[in-house]
C-alpha atoms as a PDB file:
ATOM      1  CA  MET A   1     152.474  61.132 -32.221  1.00  0.00           C
ATOM      2  CA  SER A   2     151.186  58.835 -29.491  1.00  0.00           C
ATOM      3  CA  LEU A   3     148.411  56.367 -30.209  1.00  0.00           C
ATOM      4  CA  GLU A   4     147.516  56.161 -26.518  1.00  0.00           C
ATOM      5  CA  THR A   5     144.136  57.833 -26.908  1.00  0.00           C
ATOM      6  CA  GLU A   6     141.469  57.901 -24.225  1.00  0.00           C
ATOM      7  CA  HIS A   7     140.102  54.372 -24.310  1.00  0.00           C
ATOM      8  CA  ASN A   8     140.352  51.035 -22.568  1.00  0.00           C
ATOM      9  CA  GLU A   9     141.630  47.961 -24.371  1.00  0.00           C
ATOM     10  CA  VAL A  10     140.540  44.492 -23.290  1.00  0.00           C
ATOM     11  CA  LEU A  11     142.945  41.739 -24.305  1.00  0.00           C
ATOM     12  CA  ALA A  12     141.994  38.215 -25.311  1.00  0.00           C
ATOM     13  CA  PRO A  13     141.143  36.131 -22.242  1.00  0.00           C
ATOM     14  CA  PRO A  14     143.327  33.186 -21.208  1.00  0.00           C
ATOM     15  CA  GLY A  15     142.638  30.131 -23.335  1.00  0.00           C
ATOM     16  CA  TYR A  16     141.161  32.161 -26.191  1.00  0.00           C
ATOM     17  CA  ARG A  17     140.358  30.146 -29.310  1.00  0.00           C
ATOM     18  CA  TRP A  18     139.215  31.088 -32.807  1.00  0.00           C
ATOM     19  CA  PRO A  19     135.644  30.452 -34.047  1.00  0.00           C
ATOM     20  CA  GLY A  20     134.754  26.791 -33.778  1.00  0.00           C
ATOM     21  CA  GLY A  21     137.281  26.276 -30.994  1.00  0.00           C
ATOM     22  CA  SER A  22     140.334  26.089 -33.256  1.00  0.00           C
ATOM     23  CA  ARG A  23     143.753  26.914 -31.821  1.00  0.00           C
ATOM     24  CA  LEU A  24     145.135  27.994 -35.194  1.00  0.00           C
ATOM     25  CA  ALA A  25     143.659  30.234 -37.881  1.00  0.00           C
ATOM     26  CA  VAL A  26     144.584  31.111 -41.446  1.00  0.00           C
ATOM     27  CA  THR A  27     142.910  34.051 -43.139  1.00  0.00           C
ATOM     28  CA  PHE A  28     143.228  34.810 -46.833  1.00  0.00           C
ATOM     29  CA  LEU A  29     143.362  38.476 -47.773  1.00  0.00           C
ATOM     30  CA  VAL A  30     143.542  40.376 -51.045  1.00  0.00           C
ATOM     31  CA  ALA A  31     144.617  44.004 -51.341  1.00  0.00           C
ATOM     32  CA  TYR A  32     142.697  45.650 -54.177  1.00  0.00           C
ATOM     33  CA  GLU A  33     144.313  49.068 -54.222  1.00  0.00           C
ATOM     34  CA  GLY A  34     144.058  52.319 -56.162  1.00  0.00           C
ATOM     35  CA  TRP A  35     145.602  55.774 -56.112  1.00  0.00           C
ATOM     36  CA  SER A  36     144.207  59.281 -56.459  1.00  0.00           C
ATOM     37  CA  ASP A  37     144.572  61.115 -59.758  1.00  0.00           C
ATOM     38  CA  GLY A  38     148.186  62.174 -60.215  1.00  0.00           C
ATOM     39  CA  LYS A  39     149.479  59.704 -57.605  1.00  0.00           C
ATOM     40  CA  ALA A  40     151.352  56.421 -58.082  1.00  0.00           C
ATOM     41  CA  PRO A  41     152.389  53.440 -55.927  1.00  0.00           C
ATOM     42  CA  GLY A  42     155.394  53.992 -53.694  1.00  0.00           C
ATOM     43  CA  ILE A  43     156.718  50.579 -54.715  1.00  0.00           C
ATOM     44  CA  GLY A  44     157.160  49.596 -58.349  1.00  0.00           C
ATOM     45  CA  PRO A  45     159.068  47.090 -60.449  1.00  0.00           C
ATOM     46  CA  MET A  46     161.939  49.457 -61.285  1.00  0.00           C
ATOM     47  CA  GLY A  47     162.746  50.306 -57.679  1.00  0.00           C
ATOM     48  CA  ASN A  48     164.779  53.469 -58.216  1.00  0.00           C
ATOM     49  CA  PRO A  49     162.852  56.621 -57.190  1.00  0.00           C
ATOM     50  CA  LEU A  50     162.266  59.491 -59.588  1.00  0.00           C
ATOM     51  CA  PRO A  51     162.885  63.144 -58.663  1.00  0.00           C
ATOM     52  CA  ALA A  52     160.422  64.585 -56.138  1.00  0.00           C
ATOM     53  CA  GLY A  53     157.194  65.767 -57.738  1.00  0.00           C
ATOM     54  CA  THR A  54     157.452  63.395 -60.710  1.00  0.00           C
ATOM     55  CA  VAL A  55     154.615  60.925 -61.209  1.00  0.00           C
ATOM     56  CA  ASP A  56     156.140  57.462 -61.594  1.00  0.00           C
ATOM     57  CA  THR A  57     154.211  56.354 -64.663  1.00  0.00           C
ATOM     58  CA  ASN A  58     155.961  52.975 -64.593  1.00  0.00           C
ATOM     59  CA  ALA A  59     154.710  52.264 -61.072  1.00  0.00           C
ATOM     60  CA  LEU A  60     151.278  53.653 -61.943  1.00  0.00           C
ATOM     61  CA  SER A  61     150.954  51.330 -64.937  1.00  0.00           C
ATOM     62  CA  TRP A  62     152.052  48.430 -62.739  1.00  0.00           C
ATOM     63  CA  GLY A  63     149.456  49.384 -60.113  1.00  0.00           C
ATOM     64  CA  ASN A  64     146.650  49.645 -62.658  1.00  0.00           C
ATOM     65  CA  TYR A  65     147.050  45.942 -63.448  1.00  0.00           C
ATOM     66  CA  GLY A  66     145.015  45.120 -60.350  1.00  0.00           C
ATOM     67  CA  ALA A  67     141.740  46.497 -61.685  1.00  0.00           C
ATOM     68  CA  ARG A  68     142.308  45.434 -65.283  1.00  0.00           C
ATOM     69  CA  ARG A  69     143.432  41.821 -64.818  1.00  0.00           C
ATOM     70  CA  GLY A  70     144.585  40.952 -61.319  1.00  0.00           C
ATOM     71  CA  ILE A  71     141.334  41.078 -59.367  1.00  0.00           C
ATOM     72  CA  TRP A  72     139.529  39.004 -61.982  1.00  0.00           C
ATOM     73  CA  ARG A  73     142.220  36.315 -61.948  1.00  0.00           C
ATOM     74  CA  ILE A  74     142.130  36.198 -58.146  1.00  0.00           C
ATOM     75  CA  LEU A  75     138.336  35.881 -58.048  1.00  0.00           C
ATOM     76  CA  LYS A  76     138.518  33.035 -60.561  1.00  0.00           C
ATOM     77  CA  VAL A  77     141.096  31.176 -58.442  1.00  0.00           C
ATOM     78  CA  LEU A  78     139.063  31.712 -55.258  1.00  0.00           C
ATOM     79  CA  GLU A  79     135.988  30.296 -56.985  1.00  0.00           C
ATOM     80  CA  LYS A  80     138.003  27.275 -58.122  1.00  0.00           C
ATOM     81  CA  LEU A  81     139.228  26.752 -54.550  1.00  0.00           C
ATOM     82  CA  ASP A  82     135.736  27.262 -53.089  1.00  0.00           C
ATOM     83  CA  LEU A  83     137.381  29.744 -50.741  1.00  0.00           C
ATOM     84  CA  HIS A  84     136.139  33.078 -49.453  1.00  0.00           C
ATOM     85  CA  ALA A  85     138.660  35.862 -48.861  1.00  0.00           C
ATOM     86  CA  SER A  86     138.731  39.155 -46.983  1.00  0.00           C
ATOM     87  CA  ILE A  87     139.349  41.748 -49.695  1.00  0.00           C
ATOM     88  CA  MET A  88     140.627  45.252 -48.936  1.00  0.00           C
ATOM     89  CA  VAL A  89     139.047  47.767 -51.311  1.00  0.00           C
ATOM     90  CA  CYS A  90     139.966  51.410 -51.855  1.00  0.00           C
ATOM     91  CA  GLY A  91     137.017  53.735 -52.369  1.00  0.00           C
ATOM     92  CA  VAL A  92     138.527  55.115 -55.565  1.00  0.00           C
ATOM     93  CA  LEU A  93     138.179  51.673 -57.175  1.00  0.00           C
ATOM     94  CA  ALA A  94     134.514  51.507 -56.180  1.00  0.00           C
ATOM     95  CA  GLU A  95     134.211  54.866 -57.905  1.00  0.00           C
ATOM     96  CA  ARG A  96     136.123  53.921 -61.069  1.00  0.00           C
ATOM     97  CA  HIS A  97     135.375  50.205 -61.391  1.00  0.00           C
ATOM     98  CA  PRO A  98     132.110  49.454 -59.535  1.00  0.00           C
ATOM     99  CA  GLU A  99     131.658  46.255 -61.548  1.00  0.00           C
ATOM    100  CA  THR A 100     134.674  44.738 -59.783  1.00  0.00           C
ATOM    101  CA  ILE A 101     133.232  45.542 -56.357  1.00  0.00           C
ATOM    102  CA  ARG A 102     129.929  43.958 -57.327  1.00  0.00           C
ATOM    103  CA  ALA A 103     131.785  40.827 -58.444  1.00  0.00           C
ATOM    104  CA  ILE A 104     133.636  40.661 -55.119  1.00  0.00           C
ATOM    105  CA  ALA A 105     130.383  40.916 -53.169  1.00  0.00           C
ATOM    106  CA  ALA A 106     128.597  38.433 -55.442  1.00  0.00           C
ATOM    107  CA  GLY A 107     131.362  35.910 -54.770  1.00  0.00           C
ATOM    108  CA  GLY A 108     130.592  35.978 -51.049  1.00  0.00           C
ATOM    109  CA  HIS A 109     133.860  37.636 -50.115  1.00  0.00           C
ATOM    110  CA  GLU A 110     134.280  40.037 -47.226  1.00  0.00           C
ATOM    111  CA  ILE A 111     134.821  43.655 -48.296  1.00  0.00           C
ATOM    112  CA  ILE A 112     137.196  45.636 -46.094  1.00  0.00           C
ATOM    113  CA  ALA A 113     137.365  49.416 -46.484  1.00  0.00           C
ATOM    114  CA  HIS A 114     140.936  50.474 -47.321  1.00  0.00           C
ATOM    115  CA  SER A 115     140.679  54.302 -47.348  1.00  0.00           C
ATOM    116  CA  TYR A 116     139.704  56.301 -50.422  1.00  0.00           C
ATOM    117  CA  ALA A 117     143.110  55.701 -51.979  1.00  0.00           C
ATOM    118  CA  MET A 118     146.519  54.409 -50.975  1.00  0.00           C
ATOM    119  CA  ASP A 119     147.895  57.947 -50.873  1.00  0.00           C
ATOM    120  CA  VAL A 120     145.190  59.012 -48.377  1.00  0.00           C
ATOM    121  CA  LEU A 121     146.802  57.920 -45.115  1.00  0.00           C
ATOM    122  CA  PRO A 122     144.852  58.560 -41.894  1.00  0.00           C
ATOM    123  CA  VAL A 123     148.026  59.509 -40.044  1.00  0.00           C
ATOM    124  CA  LEU A 124     148.411  62.501 -42.404  1.00  0.00           C
ATOM    125  CA  LEU A 125     144.842  63.781 -41.936  1.00  0.00           C
ATOM    126  CA  ASP A 126     143.318  66.001 -39.284  1.00  0.00           C
ATOM    127  CA  GLU A 127     140.212  64.718 -37.501  1.00  0.00           C
ATOM    128  CA  ARG A 128     137.728  66.415 -39.846  1.00  0.00           C
ATOM    129  CA  GLN A 129     139.528  65.144 -42.942  1.00  0.00           C
ATOM    130  CA  GLU A 130     139.726  61.640 -41.554  1.00  0.00           C
ATOM    131  CA  ARG A 131     136.045  61.549 -40.667  1.00  0.00           C
ATOM    132  CA  GLU A 132     135.234  62.671 -44.218  1.00  0.00           C
ATOM    133  CA  ASN A 133     137.583  60.031 -45.669  1.00  0.00           C
ATOM    134  CA  ILE A 134     135.878  57.262 -43.694  1.00  0.00           C
ATOM    135  CA  LYS A 135     132.428  58.414 -44.823  1.00  0.00           C
ATOM    136  CA  ARG A 136     133.476  58.871 -48.445  1.00  0.00           C
ATOM    137  CA  THR A 137     135.121  55.457 -48.638  1.00  0.00           C
ATOM    138  CA  THR A 138     132.235  53.702 -46.915  1.00  0.00           C
ATOM    139  CA  ASP A 139     129.581  55.367 -49.066  1.00  0.00           C
ATOM    140  CA  LEU A 140     131.412  54.629 -52.332  1.00  0.00           C
ATOM    141  CA  ILE A 141     131.735  50.929 -51.523  1.00  0.00           C
ATOM    142  CA  GLU A 142     128.113  50.646 -50.418  1.00  0.00           C
ATOM    143  CA  SER A 143     126.933  52.520 -53.509  1.00  0.00           C
ATOM    144  CA  ALA A 144     128.892  50.172 -55.778  1.00  0.00           C
ATOM    145  CA  CYS A 145     127.703  46.850 -54.383  1.00  0.00           C
ATOM    146  CA  GLY A 146     124.963  47.425 -51.813  1.00  0.00           C
ATOM    147  CA  VAL A 147     127.133  46.134 -48.958  1.00  0.00           C
ATOM    148  CA  ARG A 148     128.246  48.500 -46.218  1.00  0.00           C
ATOM    149  CA  PRO A 149     131.698  47.478 -44.942  1.00  0.00           C
ATOM    150  CA  ILE A 150     132.120  46.816 -41.219  1.00  0.00           C
ATOM    151  CA  GLY A 151     135.897  46.280 -41.255  1.00  0.00           C
ATOM    152  CA  TRP A 152     138.711  48.722 -42.021  1.00  0.00           C
ATOM    153  CA  ILE A 153     142.434  48.425 -42.700  1.00  0.00           C
ATOM    154  CA  SER A 154     144.356  51.646 -43.370  1.00  0.00           C
ATOM    155  CA  PRO A 155     146.926  51.976 -46.163  1.00  0.00           C
ATOM    156  CA  ARG A 156     150.273  50.616 -44.921  1.00  0.00           C
ATOM    157  CA  LEU A 157     148.501  49.812 -41.633  1.00  0.00           C
ATOM    158  CA  THR A 158     149.174  53.381 -40.526  1.00  0.00           C
ATOM    159  CA  PRO A 159     146.268  54.846 -38.521  1.00  0.00           C
ATOM    160  CA  SER A 160     146.120  58.172 -36.753  1.00  0.00           C
ATOM    161  CA  ALA A 161     145.498  58.663 -33.050  1.00  0.00           C
ATOM    162  CA  ASN A 162     141.820  59.174 -33.931  1.00  0.00           C
ATOM    163  CA  THR A 163     141.208  56.291 -36.343  1.00  0.00           C
ATOM    164  CA  GLY A 164     139.830  53.711 -33.912  1.00  0.00           C
ATOM    165  CA  ARG A 165     137.406  56.128 -32.275  1.00  0.00           C
ATOM    166  CA  LEU A 166     136.187  57.524 -35.605  1.00  0.00           C
ATOM    167  CA  LEU A 167     135.642  54.042 -37.032  1.00  0.00           C
ATOM    168  CA  ALA A 168     133.690  52.957 -33.964  1.00  0.00           C
ATOM    169  CA  GLN A 169     131.544  56.086 -34.193  1.00  0.00           C
ATOM    170  CA  ALA A 170     130.929  55.369 -37.891  1.00  0.00           C
ATOM    171  CA  GLY A 171     129.524  51.926 -37.066  1.00  0.00           C
ATOM    172  CA  TYR A 172     132.544  49.781 -37.893  1.00  0.00           C
ATOM    173  CA  ILE A 173     132.894  46.523 -35.959  1.00  0.00           C
ATOM    174  CA  TRP A 174     136.618  45.875 -36.407  1.00  0.00           C
ATOM    175  CA  HIS A 175     139.857  47.183 -37.829  1.00  0.00           C
ATOM    176  CA  GLY A 176     143.248  45.620 -38.550  1.00  0.00           C
ATOM    177  CA  ASP A 177     145.656  48.507 -38.027  1.00  0.00           C
ATOM    178  CA  THR A 178     147.878  46.816 -35.488  1.00  0.00           C
ATOM    179  CA  LEU A 179     150.960  44.616 -35.480  1.00  0.00           C
ATOM    180  CA  ALA A 180     151.253  44.698 -31.691  1.00  0.00           C
ATOM    181  CA  ASP A 181     149.771  41.323 -30.744  1.00  0.00           C
ATOM    182  CA  ASP A 182     148.944  37.815 -31.952  1.00  0.00           C
ATOM    183  CA  LEU A 183     145.341  37.871 -30.759  1.00  0.00           C
ATOM    184  CA  PRO A 184     142.370  40.230 -31.023  1.00  0.00           C
ATOM    185  CA  SER A 185     141.479  42.829 -28.435  1.00  0.00           C
ATOM    186  CA  LEU A 186     138.472  45.046 -27.769  1.00  0.00           C
ATOM    187  CA  ALA A 187     138.919  48.819 -27.656  1.00  0.00           C
ATOM    188  CA  ARG A 188     136.160  50.798 -25.943  1.00  0.00           C
ATOM    189  CA  TYR A 189     135.603  54.481 -26.703  1.00  0.00           C
ATOM    190  CA  GLY A 190     132.882  55.498 -24.283  1.00  0.00           C
ATOM    191  CA  ARG A 191     129.763  53.696 -25.509  1.00  0.00           C
ATOM    192  CA  ASP A 192     131.431  52.601 -28.746  1.00  0.00           C
ATOM    193  CA  ALA A 193     133.648  49.534 -29.168  1.00  0.00           C
ATOM    194  CA  LEU A 194     135.935  48.253 -31.903  1.00  0.00           C
ATOM    195  CA  VAL A 195     137.619  44.864 -32.226  1.00  0.00           C
ATOM    196  CA  ASN A 196     141.312  45.087 -33.115  1.00  0.00           C
ATOM    197  CA  ILE A 197     142.424  42.131 -35.251  1.00  0.00           C
ATOM    198  CA  PRO A 198     146.232  42.108 -35.574  1.00  0.00           C
ATOM    199  CA  PHE A 199     147.771  41.782 -39.017  1.00  0.00           C
ATOM    200  CA  THR A 200     150.656  39.421 -39.733  1.00  0.00           C
ATOM    201  CA  MET A 201     153.102  40.472 -42.463  1.00  0.00           C
ATOM    202  CA  GLU A 202     155.245  37.363 -42.881  1.00  0.00           C
ATOM    203  CA  VAL A 203     153.224  35.853 -45.757  1.00  0.00           C
ATOM    204  CA  ASN A 204     152.670  38.941 -47.896  1.00  0.00           C
ATOM    205  CA  ASP A 205     153.681  39.305 -51.533  1.00  0.00           C
ATOM    206  CA  LEU A 206     154.615  42.992 -51.455  1.00  0.00           C
ATOM    207  CA  PRO A 207     157.390  42.909 -48.846  1.00  0.00           C
ATOM    208  CA  LEU A 208     158.579  39.404 -49.730  1.00  0.00           C
ATOM    209  CA  ALA A 209     158.784  39.715 -53.499  1.00  0.00           C
ATOM    210  CA  MET A 210     158.660  43.392 -54.395  1.00  0.00           C
ATOM    211  CA  ARG A 211     160.588  45.011 -51.563  1.00  0.00           C
ATOM    212  CA  TYR A 212     163.094  42.250 -50.836  1.00  0.00           C
ATOM    213  CA  GLY A 213     163.255  40.530 -54.231  1.00  0.00           C
ATOM    214  CA  ASN A 214     162.489  36.967 -53.151  1.00  0.00           C
ATOM    215  CA  PRO A 215     161.071  34.510 -55.714  1.00  0.00           C
ATOM    216  CA  PRO A 216     157.331  33.737 -55.434  1.00  0.00           C
ATOM    217  CA  SER A 217     158.118  30.258 -54.102  1.00  0.00           C
ATOM    218  CA  GLN A 218     159.511  31.888 -50.955  1.00  0.00           C
ATOM    219  CA  MET A 219     155.987  32.844 -49.948  1.00  0.00           C
ATOM    220  CA  VAL A 220     154.889  29.211 -49.943  1.00  0.00           C
ATOM    221  CA  ASP A 221     157.977  28.209 -47.962  1.00  0.00           C
ATOM    222  CA  VAL A 222     157.419  30.927 -45.350  1.00  0.00           C
ATOM    223  CA  PHE A 223     153.783  29.905 -44.941  1.00  0.00           C
ATOM    224  CA  ARG A 224     154.614  26.227 -44.551  1.00  0.00           C
ATOM    225  CA  THR A 225     157.381  26.782 -41.998  1.00  0.00           C
ATOM    226  CA  THR A 226     155.302  29.321 -40.050  1.00  0.00           C
ATOM    227  CA  LEU A 227     152.310  27.002 -39.844  1.00  0.00           C
ATOM    228  CA  ASP A 228     154.540  24.099 -38.811  1.00  0.00           C
ATOM    229  CA  ALA A 229     156.072  26.247 -36.065  1.00  0.00           C
ATOM    230  CA  LEU A 230     152.644  27.243 -34.758  1.00  0.00           C
ATOM    231  CA  LYS A 231     151.519  23.610 -34.735  1.00  0.00           C
ATOM    232  CA  ARG A 232     154.486  22.749 -32.504  1.00  0.00           C
ATOM    233  CA  GLN A 233     153.605  25.531 -30.046  1.00  0.00           C
ATOM    234  CA  GLU A 234     150.782  23.520 -28.563  1.00  0.00           C
ATOM    235  CA  ASP A 235     149.945  25.928 -25.740  1.00  0.00           C
ATOM    236  CA  GLU A 236     149.512  29.019 -27.914  1.00  0.00           C
ATOM    237  CA  THR A 237     146.718  30.326 -30.089  1.00  0.00           C
ATOM    238  CA  GLY A 238     148.070  31.625 -33.393  1.00  0.00           C
ATOM    239  CA  LYS A 239     147.085  33.055 -36.758  1.00  0.00           C
ATOM    240  CA  VAL A 240     148.682  33.465 -40.178  1.00  0.00           C
ATOM    241  CA  ASP A 241     147.423  36.067 -42.648  1.00  0.00           C
ATOM    242  CA  VAL A 242     148.069  35.214 -46.303  1.00  0.00           C
ATOM    243  CA  THR A 243     148.000  38.434 -48.319  1.00  0.00           C
ATOM    244  CA  ILE A 244     148.402  39.113 -52.008  1.00  0.00           C
ATOM    245  CA  HIS A 245     147.930  42.360 -53.922  1.00  0.00           C
ATOM    246  CA  ALA A 246     145.845  42.325 -57.095  1.00  0.00           C
ATOM    247  CA  HIS A 247     148.540  44.305 -58.918  1.00  0.00           C
ATOM    248  CA  ALA A 248     151.419  42.116 -57.664  1.00  0.00           C
ATOM    249  CA  PHE A 249     150.633  38.412 -57.225  1.00  0.00           C
ATOM    250  CA  GLY A 250     147.417  38.791 -59.175  1.00  0.00           C
ATOM    251  CA  ARG A 251     149.743  38.096 -62.115  1.00  0.00           C
ATOM    252  CA  PRO A 252     150.466  34.621 -63.533  1.00  0.00           C
ATOM    253  CA  ALA A 253     153.924  34.521 -61.934  1.00  0.00           C
ATOM    254  CA  GLY A 254     152.501  34.895 -58.434  1.00  0.00           C
ATOM    255  CA  ILE A 255     148.905  33.695 -58.305  1.00  0.00           C
ATOM    256  CA  TRP A 256     149.961  30.051 -58.126  1.00  0.00           C
ATOM    257  CA  THR A 257     151.393  30.684 -54.644  1.00  0.00           C
ATOM    258  CA  TYR A 258     147.968  31.696 -53.326  1.00  0.00           C
ATOM    259  CA  GLU A 259     146.478  28.488 -54.682  1.00  0.00           C
ATOM    260  CA  ALA A 260     149.323  26.364 -53.295  1.00  0.00           C
ATOM    261  CA  ILE A 261     149.036  27.930 -49.839  1.00  0.00           C
ATOM    262  CA  ALA A 262     145.261  27.516 -49.838  1.00  0.00           C
ATOM    263  CA  ASN A 263     145.592  23.815 -50.616  1.00  0.00           C
ATOM    264  CA  ILE A 264     148.073  23.383 -47.758  1.00  0.00           C
ATOM    265  CA  ALA A 265     145.783  25.213 -45.331  1.00  0.00           C
ATOM    266  CA  LYS A 266     142.685  23.303 -46.433  1.00  0.00           C
ATOM    267  CA  SER A 267     144.471  20.013 -45.767  1.00  0.00           C
ATOM    268  CA  GLU A 268     144.854  20.898 -42.072  1.00  0.00           C
ATOM    269  CA  PRO A 269     141.896  19.453 -40.131  1.00  0.00           C
ATOM    270  CA  ASP A 270     141.989  21.688 -37.064  1.00  0.00           C
ATOM    271  CA  VAL A 271     142.684  25.122 -38.583  1.00  0.00           C
ATOM    272  CA  PHE A 272     140.009  27.824 -38.782  1.00  0.00           C
ATOM    273  CA  LEU A 273     139.762  29.116 -42.353  1.00  0.00           C
ATOM    274  CA  GLY A 274     137.441  32.069 -42.328  1.00  0.00           C
ATOM    275  CA  LEU A 275     136.868  35.763 -42.691  1.00  0.00           C
ATOM    276  CA  ARG A 276     137.919  38.580 -40.451  1.00  0.00           C
ATOM    277  CA  HIS A 277     134.390  39.679 -39.687  1.00  0.00           C
ATOM    278  CA  GLU A 278     133.755  36.170 -38.335  1.00  0.00           C
ATOM    279  CA  ILE A 279     136.711  36.600 -35.978  1.00  0.00           C
ATOM    280  CA  ALA A 280     135.435  40.018 -34.901  1.00  0.00           C
ATOM    281  CA  THR A 281     131.897  38.797 -34.247  1.00  0.00           C
ATOM    282  CA  HIS A 282     133.168  35.771 -32.339  1.00  0.00           C
ATOM    283  CA  PHE A 283     135.556  37.834 -30.228  1.00  0.00           C
ATOM    284  CA  LYS A 284     133.009  40.508 -29.404  1.00  0.00           C
ATOM    285  CA  SER A 285     130.513  37.837 -28.325  1.00  0.00           C
ATOM    286  CA  LEU A 286     132.874  36.805 -25.518  1.00  0.00           C
ATOM    287  CA  PHE A 287     132.171  40.034 -23.671  1.00  0.00           C
ATOM    288  CA  THR A 288     129.107  41.354 -21.905  1.00  0.00           C
ATOM    289  CA  PRO A 289     127.975  44.916 -22.700  1.00  0.00           C
ATOM    290  CA  ASP A 290     130.294  45.914 -19.858  1.00  0.00           C
ATOM    291  CA  ALA A 291     133.454  44.238 -21.176  1.00  0.00           C
ATOM    292  CA  SER A 292     135.292  44.801 -17.917  1.00  0.00           C
ATOM    293  CA  ASN A 293     133.053  42.159 -16.302  1.00  0.00           C
ATOM    294  CA  SER A 294     134.556  39.460 -18.536  1.00  0.00           C
ATOM    295  CA  ALA A 295     138.206  40.415 -18.742  1.00  0.00           C
ATOM    296  CA  SER A 296     140.473  42.945 -17.144  1.00  0.00           C
ATOM    297  CA  PRO A 297     140.725  46.116 -19.244  1.00  0.00           C
ATOM    298  CA  VAL A 298     144.212  47.497 -19.768  1.00  0.00           C
ATOM    299  CA  ARG A 299     145.448  50.724 -21.263  1.00  0.00           C
ATOM    300  CA  MET A 300     146.818  50.751 -24.808  1.00  0.00           C
ATOM    301  CA  GLY A 301     150.443  49.706 -24.719  1.00  0.00           C
ATOM    302  CA  LYS A 302     150.234  47.607 -21.542  1.00  0.00           C
ATOM    303  CA  HIS A 303     150.301  43.907 -22.241  1.00  0.00           C
ATOM    304  CA  SER A 304     149.559  40.833 -20.158  1.00  0.00           C
ATOM    305  CA  PRO A 305     151.457  37.744 -21.395  1.00  0.00           C
ATOM    306  CA  SER A 306     148.879  35.506 -19.743  1.00  0.00           C
ATOM    307  CA  ALA A 307     146.323  36.666 -22.289  1.00  0.00           C
ATOM    308  CA  ASN A 308     148.196  34.862 -25.070  1.00  0.00           C
ATOM    309  CA  THR A 309     147.831  31.321 -23.836  1.00  0.00           C
END
């Protein structure tokens, strides 16, 4: 399936900087994830898959930790750090545990829609199903906490060819379903527009610790070396996403890494520490209503290196 749908994509202009004029940015994300009835996480602590059609109750129990303990521990640490995070929320958790969504909103954190459930992947849905999934997820989150999300990240960052257009039509401002760049871009679908904010996977508990078996300390090391490398690249604008899952590093063995990384980032004087919706609003403000007047639009998949410096 090609993702080259009918739209123009405007890349970041030369010399682009993050809000406040910073060259470097660090965003803190939390994945608060749930699964539909009868479904379980594809990754679990045991690793070995069960026969097809068998619900992995071990992985399901592991995944349920996020709503029971993990999200509360994370919110407590964020409050201690005086740090706001961008938190991905599945609609099913707004349905089952609305009190957790209210606590997230009350803490001043950004709520990012993360599909109805982790097993509801946009790439597996037809256009009607995907439109219904976006509406269902959005409505459940808004009903739980009174805040309508304006940002979306699909499960496993796997959109369909229609996702961007459908999100823009539904009133979303940004989405993060891309690994294809370092900097934001603006996708225009007729009269609708959507900011694409790339996701970085290097400092993420699930691949580092669960998939590849590294100790939690590795996450701190990767963050420190990545940030140091970006600081040396004085001509480039860069960003690091720090992501933990409520059911993974929301546990005592992993949560300390989030706190350690936050303290490192907060000690850097010239790094933007903020939320993704702030990046989206800032980026969109760079363009006039006719974005092509401010920067040269290019088709999806065509990239201008000059836009990265």
